[in-house]
C-alpha atoms as a PDB file:
ATOM      1  CA  MET A   1     150.296 119.782 129.276  1.00  0.00           C
ATOM      2  CA  ALA A   2     150.685 121.223 125.820  1.00  0.00           C
ATOM      3  CA  GLY A   3     148.027 123.225 124.011  1.00  0.00           C
ATOM      4  CA  ASP A   4     145.159 125.345 125.225  1.00  0.00           C
ATOM      5  CA  ASP A   5     142.290 123.255 123.844  1.00  0.00           C
ATOM      6  CA  PRO A   6     141.102 120.783 126.508  1.00  0.00           C
ATOM      7  CA  VAL A   7     140.111 118.334 123.768  1.00  0.00           C
ATOM      8  CA  ASP A   8     143.753 118.039 122.641  1.00  0.00           C
ATOM      9  CA  LEU A   9     145.116 117.207 126.104  1.00  0.00           C
ATOM     10  CA  ASP A  10     146.293 113.801 127.311  1.00  0.00           C
ATOM     11  CA  TRP A  11     143.590 113.106 129.878  1.00  0.00           C
ATOM     12  CA  GLU A  12     144.915 109.604 130.637  1.00  0.00           C
ATOM     13  CA  ASN A  13     147.762 111.138 132.686  1.00  0.00           C
ATOM     14  CA  ALA A  14     145.662 113.845 134.345  1.00  0.00           C
ATOM     15  CA  ALA A  15     145.237 113.989 138.111  1.00  0.00           C
ATOM     16  CA  ARG A  16     141.824 112.775 139.196  1.00  0.00           C
ATOM     17  CA  MET A  17     139.778 113.347 142.296  1.00  0.00           C
ATOM     18  CA  GLU A  18     136.598 111.740 143.525  1.00  0.00           C
ATOM     19  CA  LEU A  19     134.024 114.278 144.596  1.00  0.00           C
ATOM     20  CA  ASP A  20     131.956 113.859 147.721  1.00  0.00           C
ATOM     21  CA  LYS A  21     128.464 115.231 148.325  1.00  0.00           C
ATOM     22  CA  ASP A  22     129.844 118.508 149.706  1.00  0.00           C
ATOM     23  CA  ALA A  23     131.976 119.278 146.635  1.00  0.00           C
ATOM     24  CA  LEU A  24     129.125 120.704 144.562  1.00  0.00           C
ATOM     25  CA  HIS A  25     127.989 124.177 145.627  1.00  0.00           C
ATOM     26  CA  GLU A  26     124.994 126.206 144.482  1.00  0.00           C
ATOM     27  CA  SER A  27     124.941 129.956 143.866  1.00  0.00           C
ATOM     28  CA  GLU A  28     122.563 132.414 142.249  1.00  0.00           C
ATOM     29  CA  SER A  29     124.387 131.693 138.969  1.00  0.00           C
ATOM     30  CA  GLY A  30     124.117 127.893 139.158  1.00  0.00           C
ATOM     31  CA  TYR A  31     126.339 125.080 140.378  1.00  0.00           C
ATOM     32  CA  TYR A  32     130.095 125.217 140.900  1.00  0.00           C
ATOM     33  CA  PHE A  33     133.077 123.366 142.334  1.00  0.00           C
ATOM     34  CA  ASP A  34     136.177 124.815 143.993  1.00  0.00           C
ATOM     35  CA  CYS A  35     139.020 124.779 141.477  1.00  0.00           C
ATOM     36  CA  PRO A  36     141.741 122.364 142.664  1.00  0.00           C
ATOM     37  CA  GLY A  37     144.385 124.645 141.118  1.00  0.00           C
ATOM     38  CA  CYS A  38     143.542 128.044 142.573  1.00  0.00           C
ATOM     39  CA  GLY A  39     140.475 127.628 144.782  1.00  0.00           C
ATOM     40  CA  SER A  40     138.266 129.947 142.752  1.00  0.00           C
ATOM     41  CA  PRO A  41     134.746 128.879 141.804  1.00  0.00           C
ATOM     42  CA  ALA A  42     134.579 126.656 138.723  1.00  0.00           C
ATOM     43  CA  THR A  43     131.037 126.690 137.373  1.00  0.00           C
ATOM     44  CA  VAL A  44     129.805 123.514 135.745  1.00  0.00           C
ATOM     45  CA  GLU A  45     129.052 125.495 132.586  1.00  0.00           C
ATOM     46  CA  ASN A  46     132.612 126.864 132.329  1.00  0.00           C
ATOM     47  CA  ILE A  47     134.166 123.465 133.008  1.00  0.00           C
ATOM     48  CA  ILE A  48     132.102 121.873 130.239  1.00  0.00           C
ATOM     49  CA  GLU A  49     132.348 124.705 127.702  1.00  0.00           C
ATOM     50  CA  GLU A  50     135.801 126.181 128.419  1.00  0.00           C
ATOM     51  CA  GLY A  51     137.640 123.596 130.507  1.00  0.00           C
ATOM     52  CA  ARG A  52     138.681 126.361 132.920  1.00  0.00           C
ATOM     53  CA  CYS A  53     137.674 127.835 136.257  1.00  0.00           C
ATOM     54  CA  ASN A  54     136.153 131.260 136.723  1.00  0.00           C
ATOM     55  CA  GLY A  55     139.436 132.595 138.127  1.00  0.00           C
ATOM     56  CA  TYR A  56     141.251 131.760 134.890  1.00  0.00           C
ATOM     57  CA  LEU A  57     138.374 133.224 132.825  1.00  0.00           C
ATOM     58  CA  ASP A  58     138.131 136.298 135.089  1.00  0.00           C
ATOM     59  CA  GLU A  59     134.382 135.775 135.573  1.00  0.00           C
ATOM     60  CA  GLN A  60     132.810 136.608 138.917  1.00  0.00           C
ATOM     61  CA  VAL A  61     130.151 134.179 140.196  1.00  0.00           C
ATOM     62  CA  GLU A  62     127.008 135.973 141.302  1.00  0.00           C
ATOM     63  CA  GLY A  63     126.314 135.557 145.018  1.00  0.00           C
ATOM     64  CA  ILE A  64     129.823 134.255 145.863  1.00  0.00           C
ATOM     65  CA  ASP A  65     132.171 136.371 147.948  1.00  0.00           C
ATOM     66  CA  PHE A  66     135.353 135.399 146.091  1.00  0.00           C
ATOM     67  CA  GLU A  67     137.360 137.901 144.067  1.00  0.00           C
ATOM     68  CA  VAL A  68     138.431 136.187 140.845  1.00  0.00           C
ATOM     69  CA  GLU A  69     140.315 139.220 139.539  1.00  0.00           C
ATOM     70  CA  ASN A  70     144.071 138.782 139.098  1.00  0.00           C
ATOM     71  CA  ILE A  71     144.070 135.018 139.737  1.00  0.00           C
ATOM     72  CA  SER A  72     146.624 133.014 137.794  1.00  0.00           C
ATOM     73  CA  CYS A  73     145.512 129.410 137.282  1.00  0.00           C
ATOM     74  CA  SER A  74     146.989 126.795 134.977  1.00  0.00           C
ATOM     75  CA  ALA A  75     144.461 124.028 135.768  1.00  0.00           C
ATOM     76  CA  VAL A  76     142.554 122.633 132.803  1.00  0.00           C
ATOM     77  CA  LEU A  77     139.376 120.957 134.027  1.00  0.00           C
ATOM     78  CA  GLN A  78     137.110 118.207 132.771  1.00  0.00           C
ATOM     79  CA  LEU A  79     134.084 116.526 134.325  1.00  0.00           C
ATOM     80  CA  GLU A  80     133.680 112.783 134.049  1.00  0.00           C
ATOM     81  CA  LEU A  81     130.580 110.808 134.943  1.00  0.00           C
ATOM     82  CA  ALA A  82     131.104 107.154 135.766  1.00  0.00           C
ATOM     83  CA  TYR A  83     128.303 104.667 136.181  1.00  0.00           C
ATOM     84  CA  THR A  84     127.437 101.001 136.288  1.00  0.00           C
ATOM     85  CA  ALA A  85     124.142  99.331 135.589  1.00  0.00           C
ATOM     86  CA  ASP A  86     122.811  96.142 137.116  1.00  0.00           C
ATOM     87  CA  PRO A  87     121.918  93.558 134.498  1.00  0.00           C
ATOM     88  CA  GLU A  88     118.189  93.046 134.247  1.00  0.00           C
ATOM     89  CA  SER A  89     117.181  90.360 136.697  1.00  0.00           C
ATOM     90  CA  GLU A  90     115.365  87.328 135.384  1.00  0.00           C
ATOM     91  CA  THR A  91     112.023  86.790 137.076  1.00  0.00           C
END
């Protein structure tokens, strides 16, 4: 993937994964996922704002026993919310 800005990336060809109920973790700092690239915490805030995990950004997550120092990660992350809505029923 070329470029560092997540907005400029070709997301159509990106690998996707469906998250189950155990994929979202909570810490003293908020919610996070495990980065699929390096396994470090990826806070929801950093995914949305930076498109990167905490290992790449070298930011420790408070209350998590995971050393993010010296982690090399090339994963660029994006969250996607999918939904459907039932048409209003006629009564």
